[in-house]
Amino acid sequence: MDLCYRPLLSTDPARPTGAMQLAGTSLWFTHVEERRRGAEPILREARTLPEEWADGFTRPRAPIAGLSLAMPRIMGILNATPDSFSDGGRFDARERAVAHARAMVATGADIVDIGGESTRPGATEVPAPEEIARVQPVIETLVGDLGAPISIDTRKADVGAAALEAGAVMLNDVSGLEFDAGMATLAASTGAPICVMHSQGRPETMQDAPHYEDATLDVLGFLAERVARLEAAGLPREKIVIDPGIGFGKTLPHNLELLRNIAVFHSLGCPILLGVSRKGFIGKISGEAAADARAPGSIAVALAAASQGVQIFRVHDVAETAQAFSLWRAMTGQD
């Protein structure tokens, strides 16, 4: 992709006549930044946007897993793994995992994302049967009384199918269909919504030497192709969520560029999911070495992204993020 537009979004309640509304939210814009590969960005009036771009930005997003996306939603992270970067080993026993899922929902999680394989930088692949054994009993125990839908965080169609059978309702593929092409078929055949994330390389090597000609346009082009692939498989765009993949095959400058330009991804007409919780770039900027002490930095990024219309936030610190969003909504009139 060689061209994109970034809407210059506002949460101000004093909305001018003729402003465009973003994706069924309260955010609006009157101008966009036009970005072309190899050229300096230029500003233009939003009313001059090509029709297909304007439609992508303004079309209201359909609910995902039964959740309206008119306001930010919190996806609580449940790592049923022994080796995840921030909380590995804390919730790999079923009883602890179940208790943590319920605690997250009680303190503000709208959806719980359960994973049985770490995809942190340097992590190695977990065989599908072992991954299923980690997540399936947890899902089966939670279904029916959790009070929130369950998403399965996996790269593998076999694991996704087992999780959906157990009661999960959404797929979250951090490989963006790269690891297992069967994920597209699974989503289309079951009608389950799926989040496709951009990642350059696999966890074992993705941070060795990530490189982009233009990080924003390269990631946008990747996600546009994945959306097209899912639609070709038979899954409607209304059930596709996109994630720029912060920290997955990106340097600190790449991560910051994508976060500053994250509003461009609204052009695909899909909800945006953002996962920055406790990640390494927050530690680099803040100087906080301990991952579990990075809630303030994680929330700062989430609030900035909420002001750019991001709809779903994948977080560890649910209660703290929920409190921050409640204040953000009150101050910006987003309730």
C-alpha atoms as a PDB file:
ATOM      1  CA  MET A   1       0.000   0.000   0.000  1.00  0.00           C
ATOM      2  CA  ASP A   2       1.411   3.393  -0.998  1.00  0.00           C
ATOM      3  CA  LEU A   3      -1.268   5.798   0.218  1.00  0.00           C
ATOM      4  CA  CYS A   4      -3.298   6.297   3.366  1.00  0.00           C
ATOM      5  CA  TYR A   5      -5.170   8.996   5.239  1.00  0.00           C
ATOM      6  CA  ARG A   6      -5.044   9.784   8.952  1.00  0.00           C
ATOM      7  CA  PRO A   7      -8.141  11.500  10.343  1.00  0.00           C
ATOM      8  CA  LEU A   8      -7.310  14.304  12.770  1.00  0.00           C
ATOM      9  CA  LEU A   9      -9.717  13.265  15.485  1.00  0.00           C
ATOM     10  CA  SER A  10     -11.310  15.305  18.247  1.00  0.00           C
ATOM     11  CA  THR A  11     -13.328  14.438  21.341  1.00  0.00           C
ATOM     12  CA  ASP A  12     -14.442  18.034  21.867  1.00  0.00           C
ATOM     13  CA  PRO A  13     -18.230  18.327  22.395  1.00  0.00           C
ATOM     14  CA  ALA A  14     -18.226  21.520  20.267  1.00  0.00           C
ATOM     15  CA  ARG A  15     -18.523  19.635  16.997  1.00  0.00           C
ATOM     16  CA  PRO A  16     -18.628  21.849  13.879  1.00  0.00           C
ATOM     17  CA  THR A  17     -21.300  21.487  11.229  1.00  0.00           C
ATOM     18  CA  GLY A  18     -20.192  19.118   8.491  1.00  0.00           C
ATOM     19  CA  ALA A  19     -17.680  17.216  10.631  1.00  0.00           C
ATOM     20  CA  MET A  20     -17.412  13.508   9.890  1.00  0.00           C
ATOM     21  CA  GLN A  21     -18.209  11.057  12.699  1.00  0.00           C
ATOM     22  CA  LEU A  22     -15.769   8.211  13.303  1.00  0.00           C
ATOM     23  CA  ALA A  23     -17.179   4.688  13.134  1.00  0.00           C
ATOM     24  CA  GLY A  24     -20.296   5.268  15.219  1.00  0.00           C
ATOM     25  CA  THR A  25     -18.391   6.868  18.116  1.00  0.00           C
ATOM     26  CA  SER A  26     -18.529  10.427  19.452  1.00  0.00           C
ATOM     27  CA  LEU A  27     -15.199  11.291  17.846  1.00  0.00           C
ATOM     28  CA  TRP A  28     -15.206  13.544  14.789  1.00  0.00           C
ATOM     29  CA  PHE A  29     -12.876  15.075  12.214  1.00  0.00           C
ATOM     30  CA  THR A  30     -12.872  17.798   9.588  1.00  0.00           C
ATOM     31  CA  HIS A  31      -9.367  17.243   8.182  1.00  0.00           C
ATOM     32  CA  VAL A  32      -7.086  14.348   7.352  1.00  0.00           C
ATOM     33  CA  GLU A  33      -3.380  13.913   6.825  1.00  0.00           C
ATOM     34  CA  GLU A  34      -2.580  12.370   3.449  1.00  0.00           C
ATOM     35  CA  ARG A  35       0.442  10.085   3.619  1.00  0.00           C
ATOM     36  CA  ARG A  36       2.173   8.779   0.491  1.00  0.00           C
ATOM     37  CA  ARG A  37       5.160   6.478   0.429  1.00  0.00           C
ATOM     38  CA  GLY A  38       8.332   8.529   0.029  1.00  0.00           C
ATOM     39  CA  ALA A  39       6.572  11.911   0.270  1.00  0.00           C
ATOM     40  CA  GLU A  40       5.942  14.447   3.006  1.00  0.00           C
ATOM     41  CA  PRO A  41       2.444  14.289   4.541  1.00  0.00           C
ATOM     42  CA  ILE A  42      -0.039  16.968   3.520  1.00  0.00           C
ATOM     43  CA  LEU A  43      -3.278  18.168   5.116  1.00  0.00           C
ATOM     44  CA  ARG A  44      -6.589  18.180   3.270  1.00  0.00           C
ATOM     45  CA  GLU A  45     -10.221  18.669   4.134  1.00  0.00           C
ATOM     46  CA  ALA A  46     -12.038  15.477   5.077  1.00  0.00           C
ATOM     47  CA  ARG A  47     -14.882  16.298   2.692  1.00  0.00           C
ATOM     48  CA  THR A  48     -12.453  15.748  -0.210  1.00  0.00           C
ATOM     49  CA  LEU A  49     -11.736  12.131   0.777  1.00  0.00           C
ATOM     50  CA  PRO A  50     -12.401   9.469  -1.874  1.00  0.00           C
ATOM     51  CA  GLU A  51     -15.721   7.783  -1.146  1.00  0.00           C
ATOM     52  CA  GLU A  52     -14.265   4.388  -0.203  1.00  0.00           C
ATOM     53  CA  TRP A  53     -11.933   5.967   2.369  1.00  0.00           C
ATOM     54  CA  ALA A  54     -14.688   8.126   3.851  1.00  0.00           C
ATOM     55  CA  ASP A  55     -16.937   5.077   4.134  1.00  0.00           C
ATOM     56  CA  GLY A  56     -14.257   3.087   5.960  1.00  0.00           C
ATOM     57  CA  PHE A  57     -13.770   5.861   8.489  1.00  0.00           C
ATOM     58  CA  THR A  58     -17.419   6.691   9.126  1.00  0.00           C
ATOM     59  CA  ARG A  59     -19.325   3.405   8.851  1.00  0.00           C
ATOM     60  CA  PRO A  60     -20.529   2.360  12.362  1.00  0.00           C
ATOM     61  CA  ARG A  61     -18.873  -0.824  13.552  1.00  0.00           C
ATOM     62  CA  ALA A  62     -21.085  -3.811  14.240  1.00  0.00           C
ATOM     63  CA  PRO A  63     -20.967  -5.354  17.728  1.00  0.00           C
ATOM     64  CA  ILE A  64     -18.226  -7.933  18.287  1.00  0.00           C
ATOM     65  CA  ALA A  65     -19.028 -10.917  20.518  1.00  0.00           C
ATOM     66  CA  GLY A  66     -22.219  -9.087  21.459  1.00  0.00           C
ATOM     67  CA  LEU A  67     -20.368  -5.950  22.587  1.00  0.00           C
ATOM     68  CA  SER A  68     -21.232  -2.512  21.222  1.00  0.00           C
ATOM     69  CA  LEU A  69     -18.123  -0.644  20.103  1.00  0.00           C
ATOM     70  CA  ALA A  70     -19.494   2.853  20.558  1.00  0.00           C
ATOM     71  CA  MET A  71     -17.104   3.173  23.519  1.00  0.00           C
ATOM     72  CA  PRO A  72     -13.754   1.537  24.415  1.00  0.00           C
ATOM     73  CA  ARG A  73     -13.907  -2.087  25.544  1.00  0.00           C
ATOM     74  CA  ILE A  74     -11.470  -3.891  27.839  1.00  0.00           C
ATOM     75  CA  MET A  75     -10.164  -7.350  26.960  1.00  0.00           C
ATOM     76  CA  GLY A  76      -8.651  -8.957  30.044  1.00  0.00           C
ATOM     77  CA  ILE A  77      -5.559 -11.108  29.476  1.00  0.00           C
ATOM     78  CA  LEU A  78      -5.516 -14.620  30.921  1.00  0.00           C
ATOM     79  CA  ASN A  79      -2.246 -16.411  30.211  1.00  0.00           C
ATOM     80  CA  ALA A  80      -2.688 -20.080  31.087  1.00  0.00           C
ATOM     81  CA  THR A  81       1.027 -20.547  30.465  1.00  0.00           C
ATOM     82  CA  PRO A  82       4.174 -21.108  32.517  1.00  0.00           C
ATOM     83  CA  ASP A  83       6.302 -18.635  30.532  1.00  0.00           C
ATOM     84  CA  SER A  84       4.432 -15.487  29.452  1.00  0.00           C
ATOM     85  CA  PHE A  85       6.601 -12.367  29.770  1.00  0.00           C
ATOM     86  CA  SER A  86       4.680 -10.635  32.564  1.00  0.00           C
ATOM     87  CA  ASP A  87       2.686 -13.248  34.478  1.00  0.00           C
ATOM     88  CA  GLY A  88       3.936 -16.629  33.312  1.00  0.00           C
ATOM     89  CA  GLY A  89       3.187 -19.363  35.829  1.00  0.00           C
ATOM     90  CA  ARG A  90       0.685 -17.329  37.860  1.00  0.00           C
ATOM     91  CA  PHE A  91      -2.442 -18.708  36.168  1.00  0.00           C
ATOM     92  CA  ASP A  92      -1.369 -21.989  34.579  1.00  0.00           C
ATOM     93  CA  ALA A  93      -3.366 -24.004  37.126  1.00  0.00           C
ATOM     94  CA  ARG A  94      -7.063 -24.214  36.279  1.00  0.00           C
ATOM     95  CA  GLU A  95      -8.335 -23.019  39.660  1.00  0.00           C
ATOM     96  CA  ARG A  96      -6.133 -19.911  39.613  1.00  0.00           C
ATOM     97  CA  ALA A  97      -6.975 -19.196  35.971  1.00  0.00           C
ATOM     98  CA  VAL A  98     -10.710 -19.442  36.617  1.00  0.00           C
ATOM     99  CA  ALA A  99     -10.483 -17.226  39.697  1.00  0.00           C
ATOM    100  CA  HIS A 100      -8.478 -14.611  37.810  1.00  0.00           C
ATOM    101  CA  ALA A 101     -10.926 -14.552  34.894  1.00  0.00           C
ATOM    102  CA  ARG A 102     -13.827 -13.962  37.263  1.00  0.00           C
ATOM    103  CA  ALA A 103     -11.910 -11.251  39.117  1.00  0.00           C
ATOM    104  CA  MET A 104     -11.163  -9.429  35.854  1.00  0.00           C
ATOM    105  CA  VAL A 105     -14.817  -9.436  34.831  1.00  0.00           C
ATOM    106  CA  ALA A 106     -15.852  -8.236  38.296  1.00  0.00           C
ATOM    107  CA  THR A 107     -13.465  -5.271  37.991  1.00  0.00           C
ATOM    108  CA  GLY A 108     -14.296  -4.178  34.456  1.00  0.00           C
ATOM    109  CA  ALA A 109     -13.285  -6.658  31.742  1.00  0.00           C
ATOM    110  CA  ASP A 110     -15.803  -6.792  28.877  1.00  0.00           C
ATOM    111  CA  ILE A 111     -14.208  -9.901  27.353  1.00  0.00           C
ATOM    112  CA  VAL A 112     -11.559 -12.375  28.536  1.00  0.00           C
ATOM    113  CA  ASP A 113      -8.792 -13.501  26.167  1.00  0.00           C
ATOM    114  CA  ILE A 114      -7.409 -16.908  27.149  1.00  0.00           C
ATOM    115  CA  GLY A 115      -4.099 -18.147  25.742  1.00  0.00           C
ATOM    116  CA  GLY A 116      -2.098 -21.319  26.210  1.00  0.00           C
ATOM    117  CA  GLU A 117       1.062 -20.390  24.314  1.00  0.00           C
ATOM    118  CA  SER A 118       3.420 -17.512  25.027  1.00  0.00           C
ATOM    119  CA  THR A 119       4.316 -15.431  21.972  1.00  0.00           C
ATOM    120  CA  ARG A 120       6.742 -13.113  23.752  1.00  0.00           C
ATOM    121  CA  PRO A 121      10.012 -12.389  21.918  1.00  0.00           C
ATOM    122  CA  GLY A 122      12.117 -15.539  21.960  1.00  0.00           C
ATOM    123  CA  ALA A 123       9.256 -17.895  22.891  1.00  0.00           C
ATOM    124  CA  THR A 124       9.161 -21.336  21.280  1.00  0.00           C
ATOM    125  CA  GLU A 125       6.163 -23.094  19.791  1.00  0.00           C
ATOM    126  CA  VAL A 126       3.863 -25.180  22.001  1.00  0.00           C
ATOM    127  CA  PRO A 127       2.356 -28.325  20.399  1.00  0.00           C
ATOM    128  CA  ALA A 128      -1.372 -27.991  19.717  1.00  0.00           C
ATOM    129  CA  PRO A 129      -2.447 -30.859  22.048  1.00  0.00           C
ATOM    130  CA  GLU A 130      -0.569 -29.265  24.955  1.00  0.00           C
ATOM    131  CA  GLU A 131      -2.038 -25.839  24.174  1.00  0.00           C
ATOM    132  CA  ILE A 132      -5.547 -27.328  24.077  1.00  0.00           C
ATOM    133  CA  ALA A 133      -4.971 -29.079  27.398  1.00  0.00           C
ATOM    134  CA  ARG A 134      -4.061 -25.740  28.962  1.00  0.00           C
ATOM    135  CA  VAL A 135      -7.060 -23.719  27.740  1.00  0.00           C
ATOM    136  CA  GLN A 136      -9.986 -26.065  27.136  1.00  0.00           C
ATOM    137  CA  PRO A 137     -10.694 -26.986  30.792  1.00  0.00           C
ATOM    138  CA  VAL A 138     -10.545 -23.318  31.795  1.00  0.00           C
ATOM    139  CA  ILE A 139     -13.028 -22.310  29.098  1.00  0.00           C
ATOM    140  CA  GLU A 140     -15.387 -25.177  29.928  1.00  0.00           C
ATOM    141  CA  THR A 141     -15.373 -24.183  33.596  1.00  0.00           C
ATOM    142  CA  LEU A 142     -16.047 -20.513  32.880  1.00  0.00           C
ATOM    143  CA  VAL A 143     -18.713 -20.774  30.201  1.00  0.00           C
ATOM    144  CA  GLY A 144     -22.188 -20.060  31.492  1.00  0.00           C
ATOM    145  CA  ASP A 145     -21.405 -18.005  34.576  1.00  0.00           C
ATOM    146  CA  LEU A 146     -18.465 -15.742  33.690  1.00  0.00           C
ATOM    147  CA  GLY A 147     -20.685 -12.857  32.665  1.00  0.00           C
ATOM    148  CA  ALA A 148     -18.498 -11.958  29.679  1.00  0.00           C
ATOM    149  CA  PRO A 149     -17.617 -13.559  26.340  1.00  0.00           C
ATOM    150  CA  ILE A 150     -14.387 -15.530  25.932  1.00  0.00           C
ATOM    151  CA  SER A 151     -11.785 -15.094  23.212  1.00  0.00           C
ATOM    152  CA  ILE A 152      -9.116 -17.685  22.401  1.00  0.00           C
ATOM    153  CA  ASP A 153      -5.613 -16.350  21.832  1.00  0.00           C
ATOM    154  CA  THR A 154      -4.027 -18.854  19.448  1.00  0.00           C
ATOM    155  CA  ARG A 155      -2.226 -19.173  16.113  1.00  0.00           C
ATOM    156  CA  LYS A 156      -3.513 -22.697  15.483  1.00  0.00           C
ATOM    157  CA  ALA A 157      -6.826 -23.712  13.898  1.00  0.00           C
ATOM    158  CA  ASP A 158      -6.987 -26.956  15.905  1.00  0.00           C
ATOM    159  CA  VAL A 159      -6.700 -25.015  19.158  1.00  0.00           C
ATOM    160  CA  GLY A 160      -9.208 -22.437  17.965  1.00  0.00           C
ATOM    161  CA  ALA A 161     -11.713 -25.136  17.024  1.00  0.00           C
ATOM    162  CA  ALA A 162     -11.356 -26.850  20.412  1.00  0.00           C
ATOM    163  CA  ALA A 163     -11.814 -23.530  22.203  1.00  0.00           C
ATOM    164  CA  LEU A 164     -14.922 -22.626  20.203  1.00  0.00           C
ATOM    165  CA  GLU A 165     -16.376 -26.048  20.924  1.00  0.00           C
ATOM    166  CA  ALA A 166     -15.681 -25.475  24.629  1.00  0.00           C
ATOM    167  CA  GLY A 167     -17.563 -22.177  24.566  1.00  0.00           C
ATOM    168  CA  ALA A 168     -15.246 -19.413  23.348  1.00  0.00           C
ATOM    169  CA  VAL A 169     -16.889 -17.051  20.852  1.00  0.00           C
ATOM    170  CA  MET A 170     -13.953 -15.176  19.293  1.00  0.00           C
ATOM    171  CA  LEU A 171     -10.567 -15.984  17.737  1.00  0.00           C
ATOM    172  CA  ASN A 172      -7.442 -13.880  18.301  1.00  0.00           C
ATOM    173  CA  ASP A 173      -4.598 -14.781  15.931  1.00  0.00           C
ATOM    174  CA  VAL A 174      -1.361 -12.920  16.674  1.00  0.00           C
ATOM    175  CA  SER A 175       0.192 -14.292  13.486  1.00  0.00           C
ATOM    176  CA  GLY A 176      -2.436 -12.694  11.255  1.00  0.00           C
ATOM    177  CA  LEU A 177      -3.148 -16.018   9.476  1.00  0.00           C
ATOM    178  CA  GLU A 178       0.574 -16.496   8.755  1.00  0.00           C
ATOM    179  CA  PHE A 179       1.139 -19.466  11.066  1.00  0.00           C
ATOM    180  CA  ASP A 180      -1.910 -21.522  10.103  1.00  0.00           C
ATOM    181  CA  ALA A 181      -3.974 -20.636   7.044  1.00  0.00           C
ATOM    182  CA  GLY A 182      -6.715 -22.843   8.484  1.00  0.00           C
ATOM    183  CA  MET A 183      -7.620 -20.035  10.876  1.00  0.00           C
ATOM    184  CA  ALA A 184      -9.386 -18.205   8.026  1.00  0.00           C
ATOM    185  CA  THR A 185     -11.385 -21.318   7.143  1.00  0.00           C
ATOM    186  CA  LEU A 186     -12.273 -21.867  10.793  1.00  0.00           C
ATOM    187  CA  ALA A 187     -13.548 -18.327  11.241  1.00  0.00           C
ATOM    188  CA  ALA A 188     -15.563 -18.446   8.012  1.00  0.00           C
ATOM    189  CA  SER A 189     -17.073 -21.880   8.682  1.00  0.00           C
ATOM    190  CA  THR A 190     -18.117 -21.068  12.251  1.00  0.00           C
ATOM    191  CA  GLY A 191     -18.919 -17.387  11.792  1.00  0.00           C
ATOM    192  CA  ALA A 192     -16.757 -16.565  14.803  1.00  0.00           C
ATOM    193  CA  PRO A 193     -15.289 -13.055  14.841  1.00  0.00           C
ATOM    194  CA  ILE A 194     -11.519 -13.021  14.502  1.00  0.00           C
ATOM    195  CA  CYS A 195      -8.789 -10.531  15.306  1.00  0.00           C
ATOM    196  CA  VAL A 196      -5.866 -10.602  12.893  1.00  0.00           C
ATOM    197  CA  MET A 197      -2.654  -9.016  14.120  1.00  0.00           C
ATOM    198  CA  HIS A 198       0.393  -7.867  12.193  1.00  0.00           C
ATOM    199  CA  SER A 199       3.656  -9.558  13.117  1.00  0.00           C
ATOM    200  CA  GLN A 200       6.951  -9.508  11.265  1.00  0.00           C
ATOM    201  CA  GLY A 201       8.447 -12.965  11.756  1.00  0.00           C
ATOM    202  CA  ARG A 202       7.802 -15.532  14.476  1.00  0.00           C
ATOM    203  CA  PRO A 203       8.337 -15.050  18.214  1.00  0.00           C
ATOM    204  CA  GLU A 204      11.637 -16.945  18.134  1.00  0.00           C
ATOM    205  CA  THR A 205      13.292 -14.358  15.863  1.00  0.00           C
ATOM    206  CA  MET A 206      10.916 -11.416  15.366  1.00  0.00           C
ATOM    207  CA  GLN A 207      13.014  -8.925  17.335  1.00  0.00           C
ATOM    208  CA  ASP A 208      16.345  -9.829  15.725  1.00  0.00           C
ATOM    209  CA  ALA A 209      16.361  -7.101  13.055  1.00  0.00           C
ATOM    210  CA  PRO A 210      12.866  -5.792  12.194  1.00  0.00           C
ATOM    211  CA  HIS A 211      12.813  -3.510   9.153  1.00  0.00           C
ATOM    212  CA  TYR A 212      10.140  -1.549   7.268  1.00  0.00           C
ATOM    213  CA  GLU A 213      10.239   0.819   4.320  1.00  0.00           C
ATOM    214  CA  ASP A 214       7.325   2.689   5.893  1.00  0.00           C
ATOM    215  CA  ALA A 215       5.978   1.050   9.051  1.00  0.00           C
ATOM    216  CA  THR A 216       2.519   2.635   8.833  1.00  0.00           C
ATOM    217  CA  LEU A 217       1.897   1.829   5.174  1.00  0.00           C
ATOM    218  CA  ASP A 218       3.520  -1.611   5.380  1.00  0.00           C
ATOM    219  CA  VAL A 219       1.411  -2.705   8.358  1.00  0.00           C
ATOM    220  CA  LEU A 220      -1.750  -1.198   6.867  1.00  0.00           C
ATOM    221  CA  GLY A 221      -1.145  -3.080   3.614  1.00  0.00           C
ATOM    222  CA  PHE A 222      -0.598  -6.351   5.487  1.00  0.00           C
ATOM    223  CA  LEU A 223      -3.845  -5.975   7.424  1.00  0.00           C
ATOM    224  CA  ALA A 224      -5.795  -4.942   4.320  1.00  0.00           C
ATOM    225  CA  GLU A 225      -4.659  -8.154   2.619  1.00  0.00           C
ATOM    226  CA  ARG A 226      -5.700 -10.233   5.643  1.00  0.00           C
ATOM    227  CA  VAL A 227      -9.138  -8.631   5.694  1.00  0.00           C
ATOM    228  CA  ALA A 228      -9.494  -9.389   1.988  1.00  0.00           C
ATOM    229  CA  ARG A 229      -8.401 -12.995   2.567  1.00  0.00           C
ATOM    230  CA  LEU A 230     -10.993 -13.510   5.286  1.00  0.00           C
ATOM    231  CA  GLU A 231     -13.730 -11.976   3.151  1.00  0.00           C
ATOM    232  CA  ALA A 232     -12.741 -14.251   0.269  1.00  0.00           C
ATOM    233  CA  ALA A 233     -13.057 -17.213   2.647  1.00  0.00           C
ATOM    234  CA  GLY A 234     -16.618 -16.128   3.438  1.00  0.00           C
ATOM    235  CA  LEU A 235     -16.312 -14.119   6.671  1.00  0.00           C
ATOM    236  CA  PRO A 236     -18.015 -10.707   6.508  1.00  0.00           C
ATOM    237  CA  ARG A 237     -15.917  -7.654   7.309  1.00  0.00           C
ATOM    238  CA  GLU A 238     -18.251  -6.903  10.223  1.00  0.00           C
ATOM    239  CA  LYS A 239     -16.713  -9.860  12.071  1.00  0.00           C
ATOM    240  CA  ILE A 240     -13.066  -8.909  11.498  1.00  0.00           C
ATOM    241  CA  VAL A 241     -10.957  -7.024  14.054  1.00  0.00           C
ATOM    242  CA  ILE A 242      -7.465  -5.706  13.253  1.00  0.00           C
ATOM    243  CA  ASP A 243      -4.416  -5.217  15.480  1.00  0.00           C
ATOM    244  CA  PRO A 244      -1.209  -3.402  14.369  1.00  0.00           C
ATOM    245  CA  GLY A 245       0.855  -5.710  16.578  1.00  0.00           C
ATOM    246  CA  ILE A 246       2.814  -3.354  18.797  1.00  0.00           C
ATOM    247  CA  GLY A 247       6.020  -5.067  19.907  1.00  0.00           C
ATOM    248  CA  PHE A 248       5.784  -7.924  17.415  1.00  0.00           C
ATOM    249  CA  GLY A 249       8.712  -7.487  15.039  1.00  0.00           C
ATOM    250  CA  LYS A 250       9.055  -3.749  15.739  1.00  0.00           C
ATOM    251  CA  THR A 251      11.683  -1.443  17.174  1.00  0.00           C
ATOM    252  CA  LEU A 252      10.843   1.378  19.556  1.00  0.00           C
ATOM    253  CA  PRO A 253      10.629   3.913  16.676  1.00  0.00           C
ATOM    254  CA  HIS A 254       8.328   1.529  14.754  1.00  0.00           C
ATOM    255  CA  ASN A 255       6.038   1.149  17.773  1.00  0.00           C
ATOM    256  CA  LEU A 256       5.824   4.901  18.330  1.00  0.00           C
ATOM    257  CA  GLU A 257       5.146   5.602  14.661  1.00  0.00           C
ATOM    258  CA  LEU A 258       2.285   3.105  14.594  1.00  0.00           C
ATOM    259  CA  LEU A 259       0.787   4.467  17.804  1.00  0.00           C
ATOM    260  CA  ARG A 260       0.957   8.066  16.557  1.00  0.00           C
ATOM    261  CA  ASN A 261      -0.672   7.054  13.263  1.00  0.00           C
ATOM    262  CA  ILE A 262      -3.084   4.445  14.615  1.00  0.00           C
ATOM    263  CA  ALA A 263      -6.137   6.314  13.324  1.00  0.00           C
ATOM    264  CA  VAL A 264      -5.170   5.374   9.737  1.00  0.00           C
ATOM    265  CA  PHE A 265      -6.260   1.787  10.461  1.00  0.00           C
ATOM    266  CA  HIS A 266      -9.895   2.902  10.792  1.00  0.00           C
ATOM    267  CA  SER A 267      -9.859   3.172   6.999  1.00  0.00           C
ATOM    268  CA  LEU A 268     -10.255  -0.617   6.732  1.00  0.00           C
ATOM    269  CA  GLY A 269     -13.732  -0.370   8.247  1.00  0.00           C
ATOM    270  CA  CYS A 270     -12.904  -2.811  11.073  1.00  0.00           C
ATOM    271  CA  PRO A 271     -12.629  -2.352  14.840  1.00  0.00           C
ATOM    272  CA  ILE A 272      -9.081  -1.841  16.099  1.00  0.00           C
ATOM    273  CA  LEU A 273      -7.666  -3.910  18.956  1.00  0.00           C
ATOM    274  CA  LEU A 274      -4.564  -2.626  20.712  1.00  0.00           C
ATOM    275  CA  GLY A 275      -2.292  -4.662  22.959  1.00  0.00           C
ATOM    276  CA  VAL A 276       0.424  -2.578  24.632  1.00  0.00           C
ATOM    277  CA  SER A 277      -0.047  -3.706  28.226  1.00  0.00           C
ATOM    278  CA  ARG A 278       3.254  -3.890  30.162  1.00  0.00           C
ATOM    279  CA  LYS A 279       5.290  -4.231  26.948  1.00  0.00           C
ATOM    280  CA  GLY A 280       9.007  -3.645  26.651  1.00  0.00           C
ATOM    281  CA  PHE A 281       8.811  -0.284  24.880  1.00  0.00           C
ATOM    282  CA  ILE A 282       7.001   1.119  27.928  1.00  0.00           C
ATOM    283  CA  GLY A 283       9.914   0.003  30.056  1.00  0.00           C
ATOM    284  CA  LYS A 284      12.428   1.554  27.662  1.00  0.00           C
ATOM    285  CA  ILE A 285      10.712   4.927  27.709  1.00  0.00           C
ATOM    286  CA  SER A 286       9.837   4.998  31.409  1.00  0.00           C
ATOM    287  CA  GLY A 287      12.876   3.221  32.776  1.00  0.00           C
ATOM    288  CA  GLU A 288      10.691   0.673  34.591  1.00  0.00           C
ATOM    289  CA  ALA A 289      12.385  -2.717  34.339  1.00  0.00           C
ATOM    290  CA  ALA A 290       9.652  -4.736  36.078  1.00  0.00           C
ATOM    291  CA  ALA A 291       6.867  -5.619  33.638  1.00  0.00           C
ATOM    292  CA  ASP A 292       4.207  -5.844  36.346  1.00  0.00           C
ATOM    293  CA  ALA A 293       4.984  -2.266  37.444  1.00  0.00           C
ATOM    294  CA  ARG A 294       4.162  -0.744  34.051  1.00  0.00           C
ATOM    295  CA  ALA A 295       0.433  -0.155  34.560  1.00  0.00           C
ATOM    296  CA  PRO A 296       0.771   3.670  34.566  1.00  0.00           C
ATOM    297  CA  GLY A 297       2.605   3.665  31.227  1.00  0.00           C
ATOM    298  CA  SER A 298       0.205   1.113  29.762  1.00  0.00           C
ATOM    299  CA  ILE A 299      -2.785   3.231  30.763  1.00  0.00           C
ATOM    300  CA  ALA A 300      -1.197   6.399  29.363  1.00  0.00           C
ATOM    301  CA  VAL A 301      -0.874   4.749  25.958  1.00  0.00           C
ATOM    302  CA  ALA A 302      -4.417   3.338  26.174  1.00  0.00           C
ATOM    303  CA  LEU A 303      -5.929   6.766  26.899  1.00  0.00           C
ATOM    304  CA  ALA A 304      -4.045   8.326  23.991  1.00  0.00           C
ATOM    305  CA  ALA A 305      -5.277   5.532  21.718  1.00  0.00           C
ATOM    306  CA  ALA A 306      -8.859   5.878  22.973  1.00  0.00           C
ATOM    307  CA  SER A 307      -8.723   9.489  21.812  1.00  0.00           C
ATOM    308  CA  GLN A 308      -7.815   8.109  18.379  1.00  0.00           C
ATOM    309  CA  GLY A 309     -10.893   5.880  18.325  1.00  0.00           C
ATOM    310  CA  VAL A 310      -9.358   2.511  19.200  1.00  0.00           C
ATOM    311  CA  GLN A 311     -12.206   0.259  20.305  1.00  0.00           C
ATOM    312  CA  ILE A 312     -10.697  -2.746  22.146  1.00  0.00           C
ATOM    313  CA  PHE A 313      -7.818  -2.745  24.624  1.00  0.00           C
ATOM    314  CA  ARG A 314      -6.083  -5.966  25.632  1.00  0.00           C
ATOM    315  CA  VAL A 315      -4.758  -5.406  29.158  1.00  0.00           C
ATOM    316  CA  HIS A 316      -3.384  -7.093  32.269  1.00  0.00           C
ATOM    317  CA  ASP A 317      -4.384  -4.366  34.730  1.00  0.00           C
ATOM    318  CA  VAL A 318      -8.144  -4.425  34.250  1.00  0.00           C
ATOM    319  CA  ALA A 319      -9.380  -2.529  37.314  1.00  0.00           C
ATOM    320  CA  GLU A 320      -6.878   0.295  36.848  1.00  0.00           C
ATOM    321  CA  THR A 321      -7.665   0.611  33.132  1.00  0.00           C
ATOM    322  CA  ALA A 322     -11.422   0.558  33.763  1.00  0.00           C
ATOM    323  CA  GLN A 323     -11.080   3.357  36.294  1.00  0.00           C
ATOM    324  CA  ALA A 324      -8.995   5.416  33.868  1.00  0.00           C
ATOM    325  CA  PHE A 325     -11.532   4.930  31.073  1.00  0.00           C
ATOM    326  CA  SER A 326     -14.424   5.932  33.321  1.00  0.00           C
ATOM    327  CA  LEU A 327     -12.697   9.254  33.978  1.00  0.00           C
ATOM    328  CA  TRP A 328     -11.768   9.667  30.299  1.00  0.00           C
ATOM    329  CA  ARG A 329     -15.377   9.110  29.241  1.00  0.00           C
ATOM    330  CA  ALA A 330     -16.675  11.586  31.809  1.00  0.00           C
ATOM    331  CA  MET A 331     -14.156  14.265  30.853  1.00  0.00           C
ATOM    332  CA  THR A 332     -14.611  13.883  27.096  1.00  0.00           C
ATOM    333  CA  GLY A 333     -18.375  13.385  27.165  1.00  0.00           C
ATOM    334  CA  GLN A 334     -18.120   9.891  25.688  1.00  0.00           C
ATOM    335  CA  ASP A 335     -20.754   8.337  27.990  1.00  0.00           C
END
